[in-house]
All heavy atoms as atom14 arrays in JSON, in Angstrom:
{
  "sequence": "APWTDLRIVKAGLLDTAGRLDAAAAELQSVGTGAAREELREVLI",
  "atom14_mask": [
    [1, 1, 1, 1, 1, 0, 0, 0, 0, 0, 0, 0, 0, 0],
    [1, 1, 1, 1, 1, 1, 1, 0, 0, 0, 0, 0, 0, 0],
    [1, 1, 1, 1, 1, 1, 1, 1, 1, 1, 1, 1, 1, 1],
    [1, 1, 1, 1, 1, 1, 1, 0, 0, 0, 0, 0, 0, 0],
    [1, 1, 1, 1, 1, 1, 1, 1, 0, 0, 0, 0, 0, 0],
    [1, 1, 1, 1, 1, 1, 1, 1, 0, 0, 0, 0, 0, 0],
    [1, 1, 1, 1, 1, 1, 1, 1, 1, 1, 1, 0, 0, 0],
    [1, 1, 1, 1, 1, 1, 1, 1, 0, 0, 0, 0, 0, 0],
    [1, 1, 1, 1, 1, 1, 1, 0, 0, 0, 0, 0, 0, 0],
    [1, 1, 1, 1, 1, 1, 1, 1, 1, 0, 0, 0, 0, 0],
    [1, 1, 1, 1, 1, 0, 0, 0, 0, 0, 0, 0, 0, 0],
    [1, 1, 1, 1, 0, 0, 0, 0, 0, 0, 0, 0, 0, 0],
    [1, 1, 1, 1, 1, 1, 1, 1, 0, 0, 0, 0, 0, 0],
    [1, 1, 1, 1, 1, 1, 1, 1, 0, 0, 0, 0, 0, 0],
    [1, 1, 1, 1, 1, 1, 1, 1, 0, 0, 0, 0, 0, 0],
    [1, 1, 1, 1, 1, 1, 1, 0, 0, 0, 0, 0, 0, 0],
    [1, 1, 1, 1, 1, 0, 0, 0, 0, 0, 0, 0, 0, 0],
    [1, 1, 1, 1, 0, 0, 0, 0, 0, 0, 0, 0, 0, 0],
    [1, 1, 1, 1, 1, 1, 1, 1, 1, 1, 1, 0, 0, 0],
    [1, 1, 1, 1, 1, 1, 1, 1, 0, 0, 0, 0, 0, 0],
    [1, 1, 1, 1, 1, 1, 1, 1, 0, 0, 0, 0, 0, 0],
    [1, 1, 1, 1, 1, 0, 0, 0, 0, 0, 0, 0, 0, 0],
    [1, 1, 1, 1, 1, 0, 0, 0, 0, 0, 0, 0, 0, 0],
    [1, 1, 1, 1, 1, 0, 0, 0, 0, 0, 0, 0, 0, 0],
    [1, 1, 1, 1, 1, 0, 0, 0, 0, 0, 0, 0, 0, 0],
    [1, 1, 1, 1, 1, 1, 1, 1, 1, 0, 0, 0, 0, 0],
    [1, 1, 1, 1, 1, 1, 1, 1, 0, 0, 0, 0, 0, 0],
    [1, 1, 1, 1, 1, 1, 1, 1, 1, 0, 0, 0, 0, 0],
    [1, 1, 1, 1, 1, 1, 0, 0, 0, 0, 0, 0, 0, 0],
    [1, 1, 1, 1, 1, 1, 1, 0, 0, 0, 0, 0, 0, 0],
    [1, 1, 1, 1, 0, 0, 0, 0, 0, 0, 0, 0, 0, 0],
    [1, 1, 1, 1, 1, 1, 1, 0, 0, 0, 0, 0, 0, 0],
    [1, 1, 1, 1, 0, 0, 0, 0, 0, 0, 0, 0, 0, 0],
    [1, 1, 1, 1, 1, 0, 0, 0, 0, 0, 0, 0, 0, 0],
    [1, 1, 1, 1, 1, 0, 0, 0, 0, 0, 0, 0, 0, 0],
    [1, 1, 1, 1, 1, 1, 1, 1, 1, 1, 1, 0, 0, 0],
    [1, 1, 1, 1, 1, 1, 1, 1, 1, 0, 0, 0, 0, 0],
    [1, 1, 1, 1, 1, 1, 1, 1, 1, 0, 0, 0, 0, 0],
    [1, 1, 1, 1, 1, 1, 1, 1, 0, 0, 0, 0, 0, 0],
    [1, 1, 1, 1, 1, 1, 1, 1, 1, 1, 1, 0, 0, 0],
    [1, 1, 1, 1, 1, 1, 1, 1, 1, 0, 0, 0, 0, 0],
    [1, 1, 1, 1, 1, 1, 1, 0, 0, 0, 0, 0, 0, 0],
    [1, 1, 1, 1, 1, 1, 1, 1, 0, 0, 0, 0, 0, 0],
    [1, 1, 1, 1, 1, 1, 1, 1, 0, 0, 0, 0, 0, 0]
  ],
  "atom14_positions": [
    [[0.85, -1.19, 0.0], [0.0, 0.0, 0.0], [0.89, 1.24, 0.0], [1.9, 1.27, 0.7], [-0.9, -0.01, 1.23], [0.0, 0.0, 0.0], [0.0, 0.0, 0.0], [0.0, 0.0, 0.0], [0.0, 0.0, 0.0], [0.0, 0.0, 0.0], [0.0, 0.0, 0.0], [0.0, 0.0, 0.0], [0.0, 0.0, 0.0], [0.0, 0.0, 0.0]],
    [[0.53, 2.25, -0.77], [1.41, 3.42, -0.87], [1.5, 4.23, 0.42], [2.42, 5.01, 0.59], [0.76, 4.25, -1.99], [-0.64, 3.77, -2.08], [-0.65, 2.35, -1.62], [0.0, 0.0, 0.0], [0.0, 0.0, 0.0], [0.0, 0.0, 0.0], [0.0, 0.0, 0.0], [0.0, 0.0, 0.0], [0.0, 0.0, 0.0], [0.0, 0.0, 0.0]],
    [[0.58, 4.05, 1.35], [0.58, 4.84, 2.58], [1.24, 4.13, 3.75], [1.22, 4.63, 4.86], [-0.86, 5.23, 2.96], [-1.74, 4.04, 3.12], [-1.9, 3.28, 4.24], [-2.57, 3.45, 2.14], [-2.77, 2.25, 4.01], [-3.2, 2.35, 2.7], [-2.85, 3.77, 0.8], [-4.09, 1.54, 2.01], [-3.74, 2.96, 0.12], [-4.34, 1.87, 0.72]],
    [[1.81, 2.96, 3.52], [2.46, 2.23, 4.61], [3.92, 1.99, 4.29], [4.32, 1.9, 3.13], [1.79, 0.87, 4.86], [1.87, 0.09, 3.67], [0.35, 1.01, 5.28], [0.0, 0.0, 0.0], [0.0, 0.0, 0.0], [0.0, 0.0, 0.0], [0.0, 0.0, 0.0], [0.0, 0.0, 0.0], [0.0, 0.0, 0.0], [0.0, 0.0, 0.0]],
    [[4.72, 1.87, 5.33], [6.13, 1.52, 5.18], [6.2, 0.0, 5.16], [5.81, -0.66, 6.13], [6.94, 2.09, 6.34], [8.43, 1.91, 6.16], [8.85, 0.89, 5.58], [9.18, 2.78, 6.62], [0.0, 0.0, 0.0], [0.0, 0.0, 0.0], [0.0, 0.0, 0.0], [0.0, 0.0, 0.0], [0.0, 0.0, 0.0], [0.0, 0.0, 0.0]],
    [[6.67, -0.56, 4.08], [6.69, -2.02, 3.91], [7.5, -2.7, 5.0], [7.18, -3.81, 5.43], [7.23, -2.37, 2.53], [7.2, -3.85, 2.16], [5.79, -4.41, 2.23], [7.78, -4.06, 0.78], [0.0, 0.0, 0.0], [0.0, 0.0, 0.0], [0.0, 0.0, 0.0], [0.0, 0.0, 0.0], [0.0, 0.0, 0.0], [0.0, 0.0, 0.0]],
    [[8.53, -2.03, 5.52], [9.34, -2.63, 6.58], [8.53, -2.81, 7.86], [8.68, -3.8, 8.57], [10.58, -1.79, 6.84], [11.51, -1.72, 5.61], [12.58, -0.71, 5.79], [11.98, 0.62, 5.91], [12.66, 1.75, 6.12], [13.97, 1.7, 6.26], [12.05, 2.9, 6.19], [0.0, 0.0, 0.0], [0.0, 0.0, 0.0], [0.0, 0.0, 0.0]],
    [[7.63, -1.85, 8.15], [6.78, -1.97, 9.33], [5.76, -3.08, 9.13], [5.46, -3.85, 10.05], [6.11, -0.62, 9.66], [7.18, 0.4, 10.09], [5.07, -0.78, 10.77], [6.66, 1.79, 10.34], [0.0, 0.0, 0.0], [0.0, 0.0, 0.0], [0.0, 0.0, 0.0], [0.0, 0.0, 0.0], [0.0, 0.0, 0.0], [0.0, 0.0, 0.0]],
    [[5.22, -3.19, 7.91], [4.28, -4.27, 7.6], [4.97, -5.63, 7.76], [4.43, -6.54, 8.37], [3.7, -4.11, 6.18], [2.88, -5.32, 5.77], [2.87, -2.84, 6.08], [0.0, 0.0, 0.0], [0.0, 0.0, 0.0], [0.0, 0.0, 0.0], [0.0, 0.0, 0.0], [0.0, 0.0, 0.0], [0.0, 0.0, 0.0], [0.0, 0.0, 0.0]],
    [[6.18, -5.73, 7.22], [6.94, -6.98, 7.32], [7.2, -7.34, 8.78], [7.02, -8.48, 9.2], [8.26, -6.85, 6.57], [9.1, -8.1, 6.58], [10.38, -7.92, 5.79], [11.26, -9.15, 5.88], [12.53, -8.96, 5.18], [0.0, 0.0, 0.0], [0.0, 0.0, 0.0], [0.0, 0.0, 0.0], [0.0, 0.0, 0.0], [0.0, 0.0, 0.0]],
    [[7.57, -6.35, 9.59], [7.81, -6.6, 11.01], [6.52, -7.04, 11.7], [6.55, -7.93, 12.55], [8.36, -5.34, 11.68], [0.0, 0.0, 0.0], [0.0, 0.0, 0.0], [0.0, 0.0, 0.0], [0.0, 0.0, 0.0], [0.0, 0.0, 0.0], [0.0, 0.0, 0.0], [0.0, 0.0, 0.0], [0.0, 0.0, 0.0], [0.0, 0.0, 0.0]],
    [[5.4, -6.44, 11.33], [4.12, -6.84, 11.91], [3.76, -8.27, 11.56], [3.24, -9.01, 12.4], [0.0, 0.0, 0.0], [0.0, 0.0, 0.0], [0.0, 0.0, 0.0], [0.0, 0.0, 0.0], [0.0, 0.0, 0.0], [0.0, 0.0, 0.0], [0.0, 0.0, 0.0], [0.0, 0.0, 0.0], [0.0, 0.0, 0.0], [0.0, 0.0, 0.0]],
    [[4.05, -8.67, 10.34], [3.79, -10.05, 9.93], [4.69, -11.01, 10.7], [4.24, -12.08, 11.14], [3.98, -10.2, 8.42], [2.93, -9.5, 7.56], [3.38, -9.46, 6.1], [1.59, -10.18, 7.69], [0.0, 0.0, 0.0], [0.0, 0.0, 0.0], [0.0, 0.0, 0.0], [0.0, 0.0, 0.0], [0.0, 0.0, 0.0], [0.0, 0.0, 0.0]],
    [[5.95, -10.64, 10.86], [6.87, -11.48, 11.63], [6.42, -11.59, 13.09], [6.48, -12.65, 13.69], [8.29, -10.9, 11.56], [8.97, -11.01, 10.2], [10.19, -10.09, 10.14], [9.36, -12.45, 9.9], [0.0, 0.0, 0.0], [0.0, 0.0, 0.0], [0.0, 0.0, 0.0], [0.0, 0.0, 0.0], [0.0, 0.0, 0.0], [0.0, 0.0, 0.0]],
    [[5.94, -10.48, 13.63], [5.43, -10.48, 15.0], [4.21, -11.39, 15.12], [4.1, -12.18, 16.06], [5.07, -9.04, 15.39], [4.55, -8.9, 16.8], [4.67, -9.85, 17.6], [4.01, -7.83, 17.12], [0.0, 0.0, 0.0], [0.0, 0.0, 0.0], [0.0, 0.0, 0.0], [0.0, 0.0, 0.0], [0.0, 0.0, 0.0], [0.0, 0.0, 0.0]],
    [[3.3, -11.3, 14.16], [2.1, -12.14, 14.15], [2.46, -13.62, 14.13], [1.81, -14.44, 14.77], [1.21, -11.8, 12.94], [0.84, -10.43, 13.03], [-0.03, -12.66, 12.88], [0.0, 0.0, 0.0], [0.0, 0.0, 0.0], [0.0, 0.0, 0.0], [0.0, 0.0, 0.0], [0.0, 0.0, 0.0], [0.0, 0.0, 0.0], [0.0, 0.0, 0.0]],
    [[3.53, -13.94, 13.42], [3.96, -15.34, 13.32], [4.8, -15.77, 14.52], [5.25, -16.91, 14.58], [4.76, -15.54, 12.03], [0.0, 0.0, 0.0], [0.0, 0.0, 0.0], [0.0, 0.0, 0.0], [0.0, 0.0, 0.0], [0.0, 0.0, 0.0], [0.0, 0.0, 0.0], [0.0, 0.0, 0.0], [0.0, 0.0, 0.0], [0.0, 0.0, 0.0]],
    [[5.02, -14.85, 15.49], [5.78, -15.2, 16.68], [7.28, -15.09, 16.52], [8.03, -15.52, 17.39], [0.0, 0.0, 0.0], [0.0, 0.0, 0.0], [0.0, 0.0, 0.0], [0.0, 0.0, 0.0], [0.0, 0.0, 0.0], [0.0, 0.0, 0.0], [0.0, 0.0, 0.0], [0.0, 0.0, 0.0], [0.0, 0.0, 0.0], [0.0, 0.0, 0.0]],
    [[7.74, -14.52, 15.44], [9.18, -14.36, 15.2], [9.59, -12.98, 15.7], [9.89, -12.07, 14.93], [9.48, -14.58, 13.73], [9.18, -16.03, 13.33], [9.25, -16.32, 11.87], [10.51, -16.0, 11.27], [10.75, -16.14, 9.96], [9.82, -16.59, 9.17], [11.92, -15.81, 9.47], [0.0, 0.0, 0.0], [0.0, 0.0, 0.0], [0.0, 0.0, 0.0]],
    [[9.6, -12.82, 17.03], [9.81, -11.53, 17.66], [11.21, -10.97, 17.43], [11.37, -9.76, 17.25], [9.5, -11.61, 19.14], [8.06, -12.0, 19.49], [7.88, -12.12, 20.99], [7.08, -11.01, 18.9], [0.0, 0.0, 0.0], [0.0, 0.0, 0.0], [0.0, 0.0, 0.0], [0.0, 0.0, 0.0], [0.0, 0.0, 0.0], [0.0, 0.0, 0.0]],
    [[12.23, -11.82, 17.43], [13.6, -11.33, 17.19], [13.73, -10.74, 15.79], [14.33, -9.68, 15.62], [14.62, -12.46, 17.37], [14.78, -12.87, 18.83], [14.48, -12.04, 19.72], [15.2, -14.02, 19.08], [0.0, 0.0, 0.0], [0.0, 0.0, 0.0], [0.0, 0.0, 0.0], [0.0, 0.0, 0.0], [0.0, 0.0, 0.0], [0.0, 0.0, 0.0]],
    [[13.16, -11.41, 14.81], [13.21, -10.91, 13.43], [12.4, -9.63, 13.29], [12.81, -8.7, 12.59], [12.71, -11.97, 12.45], [0.0, 0.0, 0.0], [0.0, 0.0, 0.0], [0.0, 0.0, 0.0], [0.0, 0.0, 0.0], [0.0, 0.0, 0.0], [0.0, 0.0, 0.0], [0.0, 0.0, 0.0], [0.0, 0.0, 0.0], [0.0, 0.0, 0.0]],
    [[11.26, -9.56, 13.97], [10.43, -8.34, 13.93], [11.18, -7.17, 14.55], [11.18, -6.06, 14.0], [9.1, -8.58, 14.65], [0.0, 0.0, 0.0], [0.0, 0.0, 0.0], [0.0, 0.0, 0.0], [0.0, 0.0, 0.0], [0.0, 0.0, 0.0], [0.0, 0.0, 0.0], [0.0, 0.0, 0.0], [0.0, 0.0, 0.0], [0.0, 0.0, 0.0]],
    [[11.83, -7.4, 15.7], [12.58, -6.33, 16.36], [13.73, -5.85, 15.48], [13.95, -4.65, 15.35], [13.11, -6.82, 17.71], [0.0, 0.0, 0.0], [0.0, 0.0, 0.0], [0.0, 0.0, 0.0], [0.0, 0.0, 0.0], [0.0, 0.0, 0.0], [0.0, 0.0, 0.0], [0.0, 0.0, 0.0], [0.0, 0.0, 0.0], [0.0, 0.0, 0.0]],
    [[14.43, -6.78, 14.84], [15.54, -6.39, 13.96], [15.04, -5.56, 12.78], [15.67, -4.58, 12.39], [16.26, -7.64, 13.46], [0.0, 0.0, 0.0], [0.0, 0.0, 0.0], [0.0, 0.0, 0.0], [0.0, 0.0, 0.0], [0.0, 0.0, 0.0], [0.0, 0.0, 0.0], [0.0, 0.0, 0.0], [0.0, 0.0, 0.0], [0.0, 0.0, 0.0]],
    [[13.91, -5.94, 12.21], [13.34, -5.2, 11.09], [12.96, -3.78, 11.52], [13.22, -2.82, 10.82], [12.11, -5.93, 10.55], [11.56, -5.38, 9.27], [12.44, -5.65, 8.06], [13.09, -6.71, 7.99], [12.49, -4.76, 7.17], [0.0, 0.0, 0.0], [0.0, 0.0, 0.0], [0.0, 0.0, 0.0], [0.0, 0.0, 0.0], [0.0, 0.0, 0.0]],
    [[12.35, -3.65, 12.68], [11.91, -2.34, 13.17], [13.08, -1.45, 13.55], [13.01, -0.23, 13.38], [10.96, -2.51, 14.35], [9.6, -3.09, 13.98], [8.85, -3.55, 15.22], [8.78, -2.08, 13.2], [0.0, 0.0, 0.0], [0.0, 0.0, 0.0], [0.0, 0.0, 0.0], [0.0, 0.0, 0.0], [0.0, 0.0, 0.0], [0.0, 0.0, 0.0]],
    [[14.15, -2.02, 14.07], [15.31, -1.21, 14.44], [15.96, -0.59, 13.22], [16.56, 0.48, 13.32], [16.32, -2.05, 15.22], [15.85, -2.35, 16.63], [16.73, -3.33, 17.36], [17.48, -4.1, 16.75], [16.64, -3.33, 18.68], [0.0, 0.0, 0.0], [0.0, 0.0, 0.0], [0.0, 0.0, 0.0], [0.0, 0.0, 0.0], [0.0, 0.0, 0.0]],
    [[15.79, -1.2, 12.06], [16.4, -0.64, 10.85], [15.6, 0.52, 10.27], [16.1, 1.25, 9.44], [16.55, -1.74, 9.79], [15.26, -2.11, 9.29], [0.0, 0.0, 0.0], [0.0, 0.0, 0.0], [0.0, 0.0, 0.0], [0.0, 0.0, 0.0], [0.0, 0.0, 0.0], [0.0, 0.0, 0.0], [0.0, 0.0, 0.0], [0.0, 0.0, 0.0]],
    [[14.36, 0.7, 10.73], [13.5, 1.75, 10.16], [13.82, 3.11, 10.79], [14.12, 4.07, 10.09], [12.0, 1.41, 10.33], [11.14, 2.52, 9.77], [11.69, 0.09, 9.66], [0.0, 0.0, 0.0], [0.0, 0.0, 0.0], [0.0, 0.0, 0.0], [0.0, 0.0, 0.0], [0.0, 0.0, 0.0], [0.0, 0.0, 0.0], [0.0, 0.0, 0.0]],
    [[13.72, 3.22, 12.1], [14.1, 4.44, 12.78], [13.06, 5.55, 12.86], [13.34, 6.61, 13.38], [0.0, 0.0, 0.0], [0.0, 0.0, 0.0], [0.0, 0.0, 0.0], [0.0, 0.0, 0.0], [0.0, 0.0, 0.0], [0.0, 0.0, 0.0], [0.0, 0.0, 0.0], [0.0, 0.0, 0.0], [0.0, 0.0, 0.0], [0.0, 0.0, 0.0]],
    [[11.86, 5.34, 12.38], [10.82, 6.37, 12.49], [10.11, 6.26, 13.83], [10.25, 5.26, 14.54], [9.78, 6.23, 11.37], [9.1, 4.97, 11.53], [10.41, 6.29, 9.99], [0.0, 0.0, 0.0], [0.0, 0.0, 0.0], [0.0, 0.0, 0.0], [0.0, 0.0, 0.0], [0.0, 0.0, 0.0], [0.0, 0.0, 0.0], [0.0, 0.0, 0.0]],
    [[9.33, 7.28, 14.17], [8.57, 7.24, 15.41], [7.59, 6.09, 15.45], [7.44, 5.41, 16.47], [0.0, 0.0, 0.0], [0.0, 0.0, 0.0], [0.0, 0.0, 0.0], [0.0, 0.0, 0.0], [0.0, 0.0, 0.0], [0.0, 0.0, 0.0], [0.0, 0.0, 0.0], [0.0, 0.0, 0.0], [0.0, 0.0, 0.0], [0.0, 0.0, 0.0]],
    [[6.91, 5.84, 14.32], [5.95, 4.73, 14.26], [6.66, 3.4, 14.46], [6.16, 2.51, 15.16], [5.21, 4.74, 12.93], [0.0, 0.0, 0.0], [0.0, 0.0, 0.0], [0.0, 0.0, 0.0], [0.0, 0.0, 0.0], [0.0, 0.0, 0.0], [0.0, 0.0, 0.0], [0.0, 0.0, 0.0], [0.0, 0.0, 0.0], [0.0, 0.0, 0.0]],
    [[7.84, 3.26, 13.87], [8.59, 2.02, 14.02], [9.06, 1.84, 15.47], [9.05, 0.73, 15.99], [9.79, 2.0, 13.08], [0.0, 0.0, 0.0], [0.0, 0.0, 0.0], [0.0, 0.0, 0.0], [0.0, 0.0, 0.0], [0.0, 0.0, 0.0], [0.0, 0.0, 0.0], [0.0, 0.0, 0.0], [0.0, 0.0, 0.0], [0.0, 0.0, 0.0]],
    [[9.45, 2.95, 16.14], [9.88, 2.84, 17.53], [8.72, 2.42, 18.43], [8.9, 1.65, 19.37], [10.49, 4.16, 18.01], [11.91, 4.37, 17.51], [12.59, 5.52, 18.23], [11.92, 6.79, 18.02], [12.18, 7.63, 17.02], [13.1, 7.32, 16.13], [11.54, 8.77, 16.91], [0.0, 0.0, 0.0], [0.0, 0.0, 0.0], [0.0, 0.0, 0.0]],
    [[7.52, 2.91, 18.13], [6.35, 2.49, 18.92], [6.07, 1.0, 18.73], [5.76, 0.29, 19.69], [5.14, 3.33, 18.55], [5.23, 4.75, 19.07], [4.0, 5.57, 18.76], [2.93, 4.97, 18.53], [4.13, 6.8, 18.76], [0.0, 0.0, 0.0], [0.0, 0.0, 0.0], [0.0, 0.0, 0.0], [0.0, 0.0, 0.0], [0.0, 0.0, 0.0]],
    [[6.16, 0.53, 17.48], [5.96, -0.9, 17.22], [7.06, -1.73, 17.89], [6.79, -2.8, 18.45], [5.94, -1.17, 15.72], [4.77, -0.56, 14.99], [3.45, -1.22, 15.37], [3.43, -2.43, 15.63], [2.45, -0.49, 15.42], [0.0, 0.0, 0.0], [0.0, 0.0, 0.0], [0.0, 0.0, 0.0], [0.0, 0.0, 0.0], [0.0, 0.0, 0.0]],
    [[8.29, -1.23, 17.82], [9.41, -1.93, 18.44], [9.22, -2.03, 19.95], [9.49, -3.07, 20.55], [10.73, -1.21, 18.13], [11.99, -1.79, 18.76], [12.2, -3.25, 18.35], [13.19, -0.94, 18.39], [0.0, 0.0, 0.0], [0.0, 0.0, 0.0], [0.0, 0.0, 0.0], [0.0, 0.0, 0.0], [0.0, 0.0, 0.0], [0.0, 0.0, 0.0]],
    [[8.7, -0.97, 20.55], [8.43, -0.99, 21.99], [7.48, -2.13, 22.33], [7.69, -2.88, 23.28], [7.85, 0.35, 22.43], [7.55, 0.44, 23.9], [7.07, 1.84, 24.28], [5.96, 2.3, 23.48], [4.66, 2.08, 23.75], [4.34, 1.39, 24.8], [3.73, 2.56, 22.97], [0.0, 0.0, 0.0], [0.0, 0.0, 0.0], [0.0, 0.0, 0.0]],
    [[6.44, -2.31, 21.53], [5.47, -3.38, 21.77], [6.11, -4.76, 21.64], [5.85, -5.66, 22.44], [4.28, -3.26, 20.81], [3.45, -2.01, 21.01], [2.78, -1.98, 22.36], [2.35, -3.04, 22.85], [2.67, -0.88, 22.93], [0.0, 0.0, 0.0], [0.0, 0.0, 0.0], [0.0, 0.0, 0.0], [0.0, 0.0, 0.0], [0.0, 0.0, 0.0]],
    [[6.96, -4.93, 20.64], [7.64, -6.21, 20.43], [8.57, -6.51, 21.61], [8.61, -7.63, 22.12], [8.42, -6.22, 19.09], [9.32, -7.43, 18.99], [7.45, -6.17, 17.92], [0.0, 0.0, 0.0], [0.0, 0.0, 0.0], [0.0, 0.0, 0.0], [0.0, 0.0, 0.0], [0.0, 0.0, 0.0], [0.0, 0.0, 0.0], [0.0, 0.0, 0.0]],
    [[9.31, -5.49, 22.05], [10.23, -5.69, 23.17], [9.48, -6.04, 24.46], [9.95, -6.86, 25.25], [11.09, -4.45, 23.37], [12.1, -4.17, 22.25], [12.75, -2.81, 22.45], [13.14, -5.27, 22.16], [0.0, 0.0, 0.0], [0.0, 0.0, 0.0], [0.0, 0.0, 0.0], [0.0, 0.0, 0.0], [0.0, 0.0, 0.0], [0.0, 0.0, 0.0]],
    [[8.32, -5.45, 24.66], [7.51, -5.8, 25.83], [7.08, -7.26, 25.77], [7.17, -7.99, 26.75], [6.28, -4.86, 25.94], [6.73, -3.46, 26.36], [5.25, -5.42, 26.92], [5.66, -2.4, 26.25], [0.0, 0.0, 0.0], [0.0, 0.0, 0.0], [0.0, 0.0, 0.0], [0.0, 0.0, 0.0], [0.0, 0.0, 0.0], [0.0, 0.0, 0.0]]
  ]
}
């Protein structure tokens, strides 16, 4: 979708599948505020 960052979508899919380490790594590479909020949830 043109309004979403594909890296955040990919991290969300990895999170949904239970691959939290891969999701966290994907989100750390983004660096935006939205990605940091998602990363916070994964780390929790």
